[in-house]
Amino acid sequence: MTRSNCRLMTTLAIAASATLGESLAFAQYGLGVREDDGASNAARNVTPPRVEEITVTEHLNAQLPMDVELRDERGRLVRLRDYFTTGKPVIINLAYYRCPMLCNLVSNAMVNGLRQVAWNPGDQYEVLTVSIDPRETSQDAANRRARIADQFGRATGANGWHFTVGDEAQVRRLATALGFGYRFEPRQNQYSHPAVIFVATPSGKVARYLYGISFPANDLRLGLIEASEGRSISTVDRVLMFCFHFDPQDRRYVLVARQVMKLGGGVTAALLGGGLLALWLRELRRDRDRAGSAGAIYRRDGRDGLDTHEQERRG
């Protein structure tokens, strides 16, 4: 390879690395442009956000501010507590409806994951999406609700999936309680934020954080089971919670081999004990049958002997 070719290849590699770096920054922080802006202008104007502001600080078991005021997709004034009145766990998603990329990825991942869970929003759990953009309106929330209902594709539609907007101060209170860091990027005219959803207990306490742009059905179901505070948990669900636990490093629920071994040992002991008990009962029945047969023979022989002796005496 000539020196000029080496220089050309090096230049192309650097350019490709820079492009990839920008793409990853967009994917991680949700940067981009609104649909009416040019993509080429976005690539030139993007500046990395202050990462320390765009982070998640976990506040497990923290009580959420239930008096936070919002407006729903119908324009009605509601409070956070209104979504915690059914005794069901609540999945909370902080996003904004005009987000060009990351919010859509998170929303699509939620729909895809929840579609694989047999439960329905509104029946076994609730979902609450809150816009972090105070410029958005209830109409924006209604439009997103219609889209999600169509995407979810079940007869129940988006029942139990609520979409709200709110003032900056009110939404910030909720975000701070959840440990959700975000900031507005004036040059891009949009928000930088992490990709995460939250699972809250029926009493409004933070139970679990689920990260990324993919939410496996197993993680969603286990998160909801864990957050249910023991309400309406079946025996199968209890077994699942015994065998799985949330790994903070992998940020997902993992199967615990030790727990599985304990469960397997318990099941084996129960089966062995049941088998031994069945054998013992069968032998006990056999002994009773044998004793009964011997007594019947003795009584019959004794009666025959008496009859013969009486006949001889009388003869």
C-alpha atoms as a PDB file:
ATOM      1  CA  MET A   1       0.000   0.000   0.000  1.00  0.00           C
ATOM      2  CA  THR A   2       1.401   3.409  -1.007  1.00  0.00           C
ATOM      3  CA  ARG A   3       1.865   6.276   1.428  1.00  0.00           C
ATOM      4  CA  SER A   4      -0.957   8.245  -0.202  1.00  0.00           C
ATOM      5  CA  ASN A   5      -3.311   5.285   0.156  1.00  0.00           C
ATOM      6  CA  CYS A   6      -2.377   4.955   3.828  1.00  0.00           C
ATOM      7  CA  ARG A   7      -3.204   8.604   4.403  1.00  0.00           C
ATOM      8  CA  LEU A   8      -6.522   8.185   2.613  1.00  0.00           C
ATOM      9  CA  MET A   9      -7.457   5.143   4.686  1.00  0.00           C
ATOM     10  CA  THR A  10      -6.488   6.935   7.913  1.00  0.00           C
ATOM     11  CA  THR A  11      -8.616   9.945   6.992  1.00  0.00           C
ATOM     12  CA  LEU A  12     -11.618   7.743   6.217  1.00  0.00           C
ATOM     13  CA  ALA A  13     -11.231   5.845   9.506  1.00  0.00           C
ATOM     14  CA  ILE A  14     -11.124   9.069  11.525  1.00  0.00           C
ATOM     15  CA  ALA A  15     -14.201  10.398   9.715  1.00  0.00           C
ATOM     16  CA  ALA A  16     -16.076   7.152  10.316  1.00  0.00           C
ATOM     17  CA  SER A  17     -15.152   7.204  14.005  1.00  0.00           C
ATOM     18  CA  ALA A  18     -16.357  10.768  14.359  1.00  0.00           C
ATOM     19  CA  THR A  19     -19.656   9.938  12.668  1.00  0.00           C
ATOM     20  CA  LEU A  20     -20.135   6.896  14.883  1.00  0.00           C
ATOM     21  CA  GLY A  21     -19.353   8.959  17.962  1.00  0.00           C
ATOM     22  CA  GLU A  22     -21.993  11.526  17.050  1.00  0.00           C
ATOM     23  CA  SER A  23     -24.535   8.766  16.409  1.00  0.00           C
ATOM     24  CA  LEU A  24     -23.872   7.214  19.807  1.00  0.00           C
ATOM     25  CA  ALA A  25     -24.213  10.590  21.478  1.00  0.00           C
ATOM     26  CA  PHE A  26     -27.583  11.059  19.793  1.00  0.00           C
ATOM     27  CA  ALA A  27     -28.739   7.606  20.863  1.00  0.00           C
ATOM     28  CA  GLN A  28     -27.595   7.968  24.459  1.00  0.00           C
ATOM     29  CA  TYR A  29     -28.866  11.427  25.233  1.00  0.00           C
ATOM     30  CA  GLY A  30     -31.798  11.810  22.905  1.00  0.00           C
ATOM     31  CA  LEU A  31     -30.227  14.716  21.012  1.00  0.00           C
ATOM     32  CA  GLY A  32     -31.377  15.569  17.532  1.00  0.00           C
ATOM     33  CA  VAL A  33     -33.607  18.043  15.784  1.00  0.00           C
ATOM     34  CA  ARG A  34     -37.314  18.561  15.429  1.00  0.00           C
ATOM     35  CA  GLU A  35     -38.866  17.381  12.220  1.00  0.00           C
ATOM     36  CA  ASP A  36     -38.853  20.901  10.749  1.00  0.00           C
ATOM     37  CA  ASP A  37     -35.072  21.287  11.160  1.00  0.00           C
ATOM     38  CA  GLY A  38     -32.433  20.057   8.755  1.00  0.00           C
ATOM     39  CA  ALA A  39     -30.427  16.988   9.688  1.00  0.00           C
ATOM     40  CA  SER A  40     -27.243  18.478   8.240  1.00  0.00           C
ATOM     41  CA  ASN A  41     -27.575  21.535  10.455  1.00  0.00           C
ATOM     42  CA  ALA A  42     -28.075  19.266  13.476  1.00  0.00           C
ATOM     43  CA  ALA A  43     -24.819  17.405  12.840  1.00  0.00           C
ATOM     44  CA  ARG A  44     -22.914  20.709  12.772  1.00  0.00           C
ATOM     45  CA  ASN A  45     -24.615  22.259  15.801  1.00  0.00           C
ATOM     46  CA  VAL A  46     -24.739  19.336  18.260  1.00  0.00           C
ATOM     47  CA  THR A  47     -22.700  19.943  21.400  1.00  0.00           C
ATOM     48  CA  PRO A  48     -22.253  17.271  24.041  1.00  0.00           C
ATOM     49  CA  PRO A  49     -24.542  17.935  27.009  1.00  0.00           C
ATOM     50  CA  ARG A  50     -23.193  18.144  30.541  1.00  0.00           C
ATOM     51  CA  VAL A  51     -23.298  14.458  31.326  1.00  0.00           C
ATOM     52  CA  GLU A  52     -23.471  14.976  35.076  1.00  0.00           C
ATOM     53  CA  GLU A  53     -26.898  16.557  34.631  1.00  0.00           C
ATOM     54  CA  ILE A  54     -28.211  13.782  32.407  1.00  0.00           C
ATOM     55  CA  THR A  55     -28.095  10.855  34.741  1.00  0.00           C
ATOM     56  CA  VAL A  56     -30.193   8.687  37.018  1.00  0.00           C
ATOM     57  CA  THR A  57     -29.763   8.685  40.778  1.00  0.00           C
ATOM     58  CA  GLU A  58     -31.711   5.750  42.131  1.00  0.00           C
ATOM     59  CA  HIS A  59     -34.056   6.520  45.021  1.00  0.00           C
ATOM     60  CA  LEU A  60     -35.382   3.056  45.750  1.00  0.00           C
ATOM     61  CA  ASN A  61     -38.288   2.961  48.189  1.00  0.00           C
ATOM     62  CA  ALA A  62     -38.607   6.763  48.080  1.00  0.00           C
ATOM     63  CA  GLN A  63     -42.115   8.169  48.363  1.00  0.00           C
ATOM     64  CA  LEU A  64     -43.241  10.063  45.282  1.00  0.00           C
ATOM     65  CA  PRO A  65     -44.866  13.511  45.701  1.00  0.00           C
ATOM     66  CA  MET A  66     -48.471  12.485  45.249  1.00  0.00           C
ATOM     67  CA  ASP A  67     -49.723  16.085  45.108  1.00  0.00           C
ATOM     68  CA  VAL A  68     -47.886  16.864  41.839  1.00  0.00           C
ATOM     69  CA  GLU A  69     -50.376  18.549  39.505  1.00  0.00           C
ATOM     70  CA  LEU A  70     -50.661  17.504  35.858  1.00  0.00           C
ATOM     71  CA  ARG A  71     -53.149  17.703  33.002  1.00  0.00           C
ATOM     72  CA  ASP A  72     -54.316  14.556  31.260  1.00  0.00           C
ATOM     73  CA  GLU A  73     -54.990  13.938  27.570  1.00  0.00           C
ATOM     74  CA  ARG A  74     -58.471  15.442  27.990  1.00  0.00           C
ATOM     75  CA  GLY A  75     -57.184  18.637  29.525  1.00  0.00           C
ATOM     76  CA  ARG A  76     -58.438  17.805  33.012  1.00  0.00           C
ATOM     77  CA  LEU A  77     -56.431  18.824  36.069  1.00  0.00           C
ATOM     78  CA  VAL A  78     -55.200  15.699  37.831  1.00  0.00           C
ATOM     79  CA  ARG A  79     -52.749  14.848  40.577  1.00  0.00           C
ATOM     80  CA  LEU A  80     -50.223  12.075  40.722  1.00  0.00           C
ATOM     81  CA  ARG A  81     -52.211  10.319  43.436  1.00  0.00           C
ATOM     82  CA  ASP A  82     -55.100   9.883  41.000  1.00  0.00           C
ATOM     83  CA  TYR A  83     -53.111   7.148  39.267  1.00  0.00           C
ATOM     84  CA  PHE A  84     -52.470   5.260  42.506  1.00  0.00           C
ATOM     85  CA  THR A  85     -56.049   4.611  43.596  1.00  0.00           C
ATOM     86  CA  THR A  86     -56.566   1.147  42.115  1.00  0.00           C
ATOM     87  CA  GLY A  87     -54.126  -0.791  44.314  1.00  0.00           C
ATOM     88  CA  LYS A  88     -51.976  -1.689  41.297  1.00  0.00           C
ATOM     89  CA  PRO A  89     -48.307  -1.028  40.501  1.00  0.00           C
ATOM     90  CA  VAL A  90     -47.617   1.843  38.105  1.00  0.00           C
ATOM     91  CA  ILE A  91     -44.995   2.057  35.352  1.00  0.00           C
ATOM     92  CA  ILE A  92     -43.846   5.677  34.970  1.00  0.00           C
ATOM     93  CA  ASN A  93     -42.193   7.035  31.837  1.00  0.00           C
ATOM     94  CA  LEU A  94     -40.767  10.579  31.680  1.00  0.00           C
ATOM     95  CA  ALA A  95     -40.483  11.693  28.062  1.00  0.00           C
ATOM     96  CA  TYR A  96     -41.850  14.282  25.673  1.00  0.00           C
ATOM     97  CA  TYR A  97     -44.185  13.726  22.787  1.00  0.00           C
ATOM     98  CA  ARG A  98     -42.318  15.674  20.089  1.00  0.00           C
ATOM     99  CA  CYS A  99     -38.995  13.992  20.819  1.00  0.00           C
ATOM    100  CA  PRO A 100     -37.493  13.001  17.453  1.00  0.00           C
ATOM    101  CA  MET A 101     -35.697   9.856  18.560  1.00  0.00           C
ATOM    102  CA  LEU A 102     -34.935   8.533  22.054  1.00  0.00           C
ATOM    103  CA  CYS A 103     -38.432   8.897  23.538  1.00  0.00           C
ATOM    104  CA  ASN A 104     -39.848   6.997  20.585  1.00  0.00           C
ATOM    105  CA  LEU A 105     -37.309   4.224  21.061  1.00  0.00           C
ATOM    106  CA  VAL A 106     -38.198   3.911  24.742  1.00  0.00           C
ATOM    107  CA  SER A 107     -41.928   4.070  23.986  1.00  0.00           C
ATOM    108  CA  ASN A 108     -41.671   1.417  21.280  1.00  0.00           C
ATOM    109  CA  ALA A 109     -39.640  -0.801  23.619  1.00  0.00           C
ATOM    110  CA  MET A 110     -42.319  -0.464  26.300  1.00  0.00           C
ATOM    111  CA  VAL A 111     -45.065  -1.398  23.851  1.00  0.00           C
ATOM    112  CA  ASN A 112     -43.111  -4.371  22.476  1.00  0.00           C
ATOM    113  CA  GLY A 113     -42.277  -5.645  25.945  1.00  0.00           C
ATOM    114  CA  LEU A 114     -45.740  -5.166  27.444  1.00  0.00           C
ATOM    115  CA  ARG A 115     -47.389  -6.827  24.447  1.00  0.00           C
ATOM    116  CA  GLN A 116     -45.561 -10.017  25.444  1.00  0.00           C
ATOM    117  CA  VAL A 117     -46.895  -9.822  29.007  1.00  0.00           C
ATOM    118  CA  ALA A 118     -50.266 -11.507  29.428  1.00  0.00           C
ATOM    119  CA  TRP A 119     -51.507  -8.768  31.728  1.00  0.00           C
ATOM    120  CA  ASN A 120     -53.311  -5.665  30.467  1.00  0.00           C
ATOM    121  CA  PRO A 121     -52.768  -2.055  31.534  1.00  0.00           C
ATOM    122  CA  GLY A 122     -55.774  -1.042  33.550  1.00  0.00           C
ATOM    123  CA  ASP A 123     -56.326  -4.587  34.827  1.00  0.00           C
ATOM    124  CA  GLN A 124     -53.152  -5.687  36.613  1.00  0.00           C
ATOM    125  CA  TYR A 125     -51.122  -2.469  36.388  1.00  0.00           C
ATOM    126  CA  GLU A 126     -51.205   1.161  35.237  1.00  0.00           C
ATOM    127  CA  VAL A 127     -48.846   3.081  32.949  1.00  0.00           C
ATOM    128  CA  LEU A 128     -48.239   6.820  33.293  1.00  0.00           C
ATOM    129  CA  THR A 129     -46.324   8.879  30.730  1.00  0.00           C
ATOM    130  CA  VAL A 130     -45.431  12.417  31.835  1.00  0.00           C
ATOM    131  CA  SER A 131     -44.083  15.026  29.414  1.00  0.00           C
ATOM    132  CA  ILE A 132     -40.962  16.874  30.573  1.00  0.00           C
ATOM    133  CA  ASP A 133     -41.602  19.657  28.028  1.00  0.00           C
ATOM    134  CA  PRO A 134     -43.866  22.362  29.522  1.00  0.00           C
ATOM    135  CA  ARG A 135     -44.628  23.645  26.013  1.00  0.00           C
ATOM    136  CA  GLU A 136     -46.565  20.511  25.131  1.00  0.00           C
ATOM    137  CA  THR A 137     -50.329  20.414  25.453  1.00  0.00           C
ATOM    138  CA  SER A 138     -53.054  17.935  26.258  1.00  0.00           C
ATOM    139  CA  GLN A 139     -53.625  17.579  22.521  1.00  0.00           C
ATOM    140  CA  ASP A 140     -50.050  16.326  22.161  1.00  0.00           C
ATOM    141  CA  ALA A 141     -50.795  13.822  24.911  1.00  0.00           C
ATOM    142  CA  ALA A 142     -54.022  12.734  23.197  1.00  0.00           C
ATOM    143  CA  ASN A 143     -52.211  12.233  19.887  1.00  0.00           C
ATOM    144  CA  ARG A 144     -49.606  10.045  21.554  1.00  0.00           C
ATOM    145  CA  ARG A 145     -52.278   8.058  23.357  1.00  0.00           C
ATOM    146  CA  ALA A 146     -54.034   7.301  20.053  1.00  0.00           C
ATOM    147  CA  ARG A 147     -50.756   6.178  18.518  1.00  0.00           C
ATOM    148  CA  ILE A 148     -49.908   3.900  21.454  1.00  0.00           C
ATOM    149  CA  ALA A 149     -53.412   2.392  21.458  1.00  0.00           C
ATOM    150  CA  ASP A 150     -53.047   1.527  17.787  1.00  0.00           C
ATOM    151  CA  GLN A 151     -49.536   0.186  18.297  1.00  0.00           C
ATOM    152  CA  PHE A 152     -50.466  -1.886  21.358  1.00  0.00           C
ATOM    153  CA  GLY A 153     -53.066  -3.656  19.272  1.00  0.00           C
ATOM    154  CA  ARG A 154     -55.199  -5.222  21.982  1.00  0.00           C
ATOM    155  CA  ALA A 155     -58.943  -4.975  22.412  1.00  0.00           C
ATOM    156  CA  THR A 156     -58.353  -3.012  25.597  1.00  0.00           C
ATOM    157  CA  GLY A 157     -56.393  -0.427  23.600  1.00  0.00           C
ATOM    158  CA  ALA A 158     -54.644   2.108  25.803  1.00  0.00           C
ATOM    159  CA  ASN A 159     -56.982   1.646  28.762  1.00  0.00           C
ATOM    160  CA  GLY A 160     -54.837   2.062  31.831  1.00  0.00           C
ATOM    161  CA  TRP A 161     -52.089   3.879  29.881  1.00  0.00           C
ATOM    162  CA  HIS A 162     -52.288   7.567  30.773  1.00  0.00           C
ATOM    163  CA  PHE A 163     -50.595  10.522  29.060  1.00  0.00           C
ATOM    164  CA  THR A 164     -50.093  13.834  30.827  1.00  0.00           C
ATOM    165  CA  VAL A 165     -48.388  17.215  30.579  1.00  0.00           C
ATOM    166  CA  GLY A 166     -47.467  19.677  33.299  1.00  0.00           C
ATOM    167  CA  ASP A 167     -45.732  22.864  34.343  1.00  0.00           C
ATOM    168  CA  GLU A 168     -41.950  22.882  34.629  1.00  0.00           C
ATOM    169  CA  ALA A 169     -41.912  23.148  38.432  1.00  0.00           C
ATOM    170  CA  GLN A 170     -44.440  20.328  38.934  1.00  0.00           C
ATOM    171  CA  VAL A 171     -42.728  17.902  36.563  1.00  0.00           C
ATOM    172  CA  ARG A 172     -39.347  18.740  38.076  1.00  0.00           C
ATOM    173  CA  ARG A 173     -40.642  17.712  41.493  1.00  0.00           C
ATOM    174  CA  LEU A 174     -41.577  14.291  40.152  1.00  0.00           C
ATOM    175  CA  ALA A 175     -38.304  13.943  38.210  1.00  0.00           C
ATOM    176  CA  THR A 176     -36.257  14.871  41.281  1.00  0.00           C
ATOM    177  CA  ALA A 177     -38.072  12.323  43.418  1.00  0.00           C
ATOM    178  CA  LEU A 178     -37.352   9.668  40.781  1.00  0.00           C
ATOM    179  CA  GLY A 179     -33.725  10.777  40.393  1.00  0.00           C
ATOM    180  CA  PHE A 180     -34.257  11.508  36.695  1.00  0.00           C
ATOM    181  CA  GLY A 181     -31.825  14.141  35.402  1.00  0.00           C
ATOM    182  CA  TYR A 182     -32.568  16.043  32.186  1.00  0.00           C
ATOM    183  CA  ARG A 183     -31.904  19.442  30.653  1.00  0.00           C
ATOM    184  CA  PHE A 184     -33.076  21.579  27.768  1.00  0.00           C
ATOM    185  CA  GLU A 185     -30.671  22.138  24.869  1.00  0.00           C
ATOM    186  CA  PRO A 186     -31.505  25.579  23.384  1.00  0.00           C
ATOM    187  CA  ARG A 187     -29.318  25.155  20.321  1.00  0.00           C
ATOM    188  CA  GLN A 188     -31.127  21.940  19.383  1.00  0.00           C
ATOM    189  CA  ASN A 189     -34.467  23.118  20.789  1.00  0.00           C
ATOM    190  CA  GLN A 190     -35.021  19.878  22.639  1.00  0.00           C
ATOM    191  CA  TYR A 191     -34.217  17.869  25.760  1.00  0.00           C
ATOM    192  CA  SER A 192     -31.357  15.621  26.715  1.00  0.00           C
ATOM    193  CA  HIS A 193     -32.376  12.801  29.039  1.00  0.00           C
ATOM    194  CA  PRO A 194     -31.499   9.190  29.929  1.00  0.00           C
ATOM    195  CA  ALA A 195     -33.348   6.119  28.695  1.00  0.00           C
ATOM    196  CA  VAL A 196     -35.085   4.664  31.750  1.00  0.00           C
ATOM    197  CA  ILE A 197     -38.532   3.777  33.027  1.00  0.00           C
ATOM    198  CA  PHE A 198     -39.668   3.401  36.620  1.00  0.00           C
ATOM    199  CA  VAL A 199     -41.907   0.925  38.421  1.00  0.00           C
ATOM    200  CA  ALA A 200     -43.752   2.240  41.484  1.00  0.00           C
ATOM    201  CA  THR A 201     -45.705   0.410  44.160  1.00  0.00           C
ATOM    202  CA  PRO A 202     -49.463   0.903  44.617  1.00  0.00           C
ATOM    203  CA  SER A 203     -48.641   3.222  47.542  1.00  0.00           C
ATOM    204  CA  GLY A 204     -46.439   5.424  45.353  1.00  0.00           C
ATOM    205  CA  LYS A 205     -42.945   4.295  46.314  1.00  0.00           C
ATOM    206  CA  VAL A 206     -40.131   3.725  43.811  1.00  0.00           C
ATOM    207  CA  ALA A 207     -39.646  -0.025  43.439  1.00  0.00           C
ATOM    208  CA  ARG A 208     -37.444  -0.543  40.372  1.00  0.00           C
ATOM    209  CA  TYR A 209     -35.521   1.197  37.584  1.00  0.00           C
ATOM    210  CA  LEU A 210     -35.370  -0.434  34.136  1.00  0.00           C
ATOM    211  CA  TYR A 211     -32.828   0.999  31.701  1.00  0.00           C
ATOM    212  CA  GLY A 212     -32.207   1.098  27.977  1.00  0.00           C
ATOM    213  CA  ILE A 213     -34.215   0.913  24.793  1.00  0.00           C
ATOM    214  CA  SER A 214     -35.231  -2.712  25.229  1.00  0.00           C
ATOM    215  CA  PHE A 215     -37.445  -4.033  28.012  1.00  0.00           C
ATOM    216  CA  PRO A 216     -37.780  -7.839  27.975  1.00  0.00           C
ATOM    217  CA  ALA A 217     -41.195  -9.095  28.966  1.00  0.00           C
ATOM    218  CA  ASN A 218     -39.666 -11.101  31.801  1.00  0.00           C
ATOM    219  CA  ASP A 219     -38.111  -7.973  33.333  1.00  0.00           C
ATOM    220  CA  LEU A 220     -41.364  -6.039  33.041  1.00  0.00           C
ATOM    221  CA  ARG A 221     -43.414  -8.805  34.603  1.00  0.00           C
ATOM    222  CA  LEU A 222     -40.960  -9.383  37.448  1.00  0.00           C
ATOM    223  CA  GLY A 223     -40.743  -5.648  38.070  1.00  0.00           C
ATOM    224  CA  LEU A 224     -44.524  -5.436  38.332  1.00  0.00           C
ATOM    225  CA  ILE A 225     -44.670  -8.486  40.590  1.00  0.00           C
ATOM    226  CA  GLU A 226     -41.983  -7.038  42.818  1.00  0.00           C
ATOM    227  CA  ALA A 227     -43.775  -3.676  42.994  1.00  0.00           C
ATOM    228  CA  SER A 228     -47.199  -5.160  43.723  1.00  0.00           C
ATOM    229  CA  GLU A 229     -46.460  -5.275  47.475  1.00  0.00           C
ATOM    230  CA  GLY A 230     -47.804  -8.813  47.688  1.00  0.00           C
ATOM    231  CA  ARG A 231     -51.215  -7.918  46.284  1.00  0.00           C
ATOM    232  CA  SER A 232     -52.792 -10.547  44.011  1.00  0.00           C
ATOM    233  CA  ILE A 233     -49.570 -12.514  43.584  1.00  0.00           C
ATOM    234  CA  SER A 234     -50.134 -16.085  42.448  1.00  0.00           C
ATOM    235  CA  THR A 235     -48.089 -19.067  43.591  1.00  0.00           C
ATOM    236  CA  VAL A 236     -46.296 -19.089  40.237  1.00  0.00           C
ATOM    237  CA  ASP A 237     -45.379 -15.420  40.684  1.00  0.00           C
ATOM    238  CA  ARG A 238     -44.006 -16.113  44.154  1.00  0.00           C
ATOM    239  CA  VAL A 239     -41.836 -18.891  42.732  1.00  0.00           C
ATOM    240  CA  LEU A 240     -40.559 -16.507  40.036  1.00  0.00           C
ATOM    241  CA  MET A 241     -39.632 -13.870  42.605  1.00  0.00           C
ATOM    242  CA  PHE A 242     -37.858 -16.543  44.644  1.00  0.00           C
ATOM    243  CA  CYS A 243     -35.748 -17.632  41.669  1.00  0.00           C
ATOM    244  CA  PHE A 244     -35.016 -14.221  40.114  1.00  0.00           C
ATOM    245  CA  HIS A 245     -33.484 -11.099  41.546  1.00  0.00           C
ATOM    246  CA  PHE A 246     -32.506  -7.742  40.086  1.00  0.00           C
ATOM    247  CA  ASP A 247     -28.792  -7.441  39.289  1.00  0.00           C
ATOM    248  CA  PRO A 248     -27.775  -3.756  39.667  1.00  0.00           C
ATOM    249  CA  GLN A 249     -24.729  -4.275  37.451  1.00  0.00           C
ATOM    250  CA  ASP A 250     -26.532  -5.941  34.559  1.00  0.00           C
ATOM    251  CA  ARG A 251     -29.615  -3.814  35.334  1.00  0.00           C
ATOM    252  CA  ARG A 252     -31.977  -6.694  34.716  1.00  0.00           C
ATOM    253  CA  TYR A 253     -33.527  -9.645  36.502  1.00  0.00           C
ATOM    254  CA  VAL A 254     -31.293 -12.706  36.535  1.00  0.00           C
ATOM    255  CA  LEU A 255     -31.858 -16.304  37.527  1.00  0.00           C
ATOM    256  CA  VAL A 256     -30.124 -17.100  40.826  1.00  0.00           C
ATOM    257  CA  ALA A 257     -28.589 -20.578  40.701  1.00  0.00           C
ATOM    258  CA  ARG A 258     -28.514 -20.917  44.476  1.00  0.00           C
ATOM    259  CA  GLN A 259     -32.197 -20.135  44.755  1.00  0.00           C
ATOM    260  CA  VAL A 260     -33.007 -22.575  41.967  1.00  0.00           C
ATOM    261  CA  MET A 261     -30.985 -25.256  43.774  1.00  0.00           C
ATOM    262  CA  LYS A 262     -32.876 -24.531  46.989  1.00  0.00           C
ATOM    263  CA  LEU A 263     -36.175 -24.723  45.181  1.00  0.00           C
ATOM    264  CA  GLY A 264     -35.117 -27.885  43.355  1.00  0.00           C
ATOM    265  CA  GLY A 265     -33.944 -29.444  46.627  1.00  0.00           C
ATOM    266  CA  GLY A 266     -37.231 -28.593  48.268  1.00  0.00           C
ATOM    267  CA  VAL A 267     -39.231 -30.040  45.403  1.00  0.00           C
ATOM    268  CA  THR A 268     -37.067 -33.191  45.394  1.00  0.00           C
ATOM    269  CA  ALA A 269     -37.473 -33.614  49.157  1.00  0.00           C
ATOM    270  CA  ALA A 270     -41.223 -33.140  48.849  1.00  0.00           C
ATOM    271  CA  LEU A 271     -41.473 -35.688  46.033  1.00  0.00           C
ATOM    272  CA  LEU A 272     -39.279 -38.174  47.910  1.00  0.00           C
ATOM    273  CA  GLY A 273     -41.266 -37.718  51.097  1.00  0.00           C
ATOM    274  CA  GLY A 274     -44.515 -38.103  49.211  1.00  0.00           C
ATOM    275  CA  GLY A 275     -43.261 -41.276  47.542  1.00  0.00           C
ATOM    276  CA  LEU A 276     -42.137 -42.789  50.853  1.00  0.00           C
ATOM    277  CA  LEU A 277     -45.458 -41.890  52.452  1.00  0.00           C
ATOM    278  CA  ALA A 278     -47.341 -43.555  49.583  1.00  0.00           C
ATOM    279  CA  LEU A 279     -45.234 -46.738  49.966  1.00  0.00           C
ATOM    280  CA  TRP A 280     -45.790 -46.779  53.716  1.00  0.00           C
ATOM    281  CA  LEU A 281     -49.551 -46.400  53.327  1.00  0.00           C
ATOM    282  CA  ARG A 282     -49.632 -49.154  50.714  1.00  0.00           C
ATOM    283  CA  GLU A 283     -47.719 -51.542  52.988  1.00  0.00           C
ATOM    284  CA  LEU A 284     -50.013 -50.630  55.861  1.00  0.00           C
ATOM    285  CA  ARG A 285     -53.056 -51.510  53.762  1.00  0.00           C
ATOM    286  CA  ARG A 286     -51.446 -54.810  52.741  1.00  0.00           C
ATOM    287  CA  ASP A 287     -50.765 -55.715  56.385  1.00  0.00           C
ATOM    288  CA  ARG A 288     -54.365 -54.936  57.294  1.00  0.00           C
ATOM    289  CA  ASP A 289     -55.634 -57.054  54.391  1.00  0.00           C
ATOM    290  CA  ARG A 290     -53.387 -59.967  55.431  1.00  0.00           C
ATOM    291  CA  ALA A 291     -54.516 -59.748  59.051  1.00  0.00           C
ATOM    292  CA  GLY A 292     -58.125 -59.647  57.972  1.00  0.00           C
ATOM    293  CA  SER A 293     -57.697 -62.713  55.739  1.00  0.00           C
ATOM    294  CA  ALA A 294     -55.974 -64.709  58.512  1.00  0.00           C
ATOM    295  CA  GLY A 295     -58.759 -63.891  60.976  1.00  0.00           C
ATOM    296  CA  ALA A 296     -61.407 -64.958  58.522  1.00  0.00           C
ATOM    297  CA  ILE A 297     -59.653 -68.324  57.956  1.00  0.00           C
ATOM    298  CA  TYR A 298     -59.314 -68.885  61.713  1.00  0.00           C
ATOM    299  CA  ARG A 299     -62.971 -68.147  62.318  1.00  0.00           C
ATOM    300  CA  ARG A 300     -64.066 -70.430  59.483  1.00  0.00           C
ATOM    301  CA  ASP A 301     -61.830 -73.328  60.605  1.00  0.00           C
ATOM    302  CA  GLY A 302     -62.947 -72.977  64.200  1.00  0.00           C
ATOM    303  CA  ARG A 303     -66.599 -73.021  63.229  1.00  0.00           C
ATOM    304  CA  ASP A 304     -66.099 -76.124  61.034  1.00  0.00           C
ATOM    305  CA  GLY A 305     -64.282 -77.926  63.877  1.00  0.00           C
ATOM    306  CA  LEU A 306     -67.091 -77.296  66.337  1.00  0.00           C
ATOM    307  CA  ASP A 307     -69.657 -78.556  63.888  1.00  0.00           C
ATOM    308  CA  THR A 308     -67.733 -81.845  63.345  1.00  0.00           C
ATOM    309  CA  HIS A 309     -67.285 -82.472  67.089  1.00  0.00           C
ATOM    310  CA  GLU A 310     -70.937 -81.843  67.784  1.00  0.00           C
ATOM    311  CA  GLN A 311     -71.927 -84.285  65.066  1.00  0.00           C
ATOM    312  CA  GLU A 312     -69.640 -86.986  66.526  1.00  0.00           C
ATOM    313  CA  ARG A 313     -70.975 -86.395  70.023  1.00  0.00           C
ATOM    314  CA  ARG A 314     -74.524 -86.659  68.876  1.00  0.00           C
ATOM    315  CA  GLY A 315     -73.793 -89.767  66.807  1.00  0.00           C
END
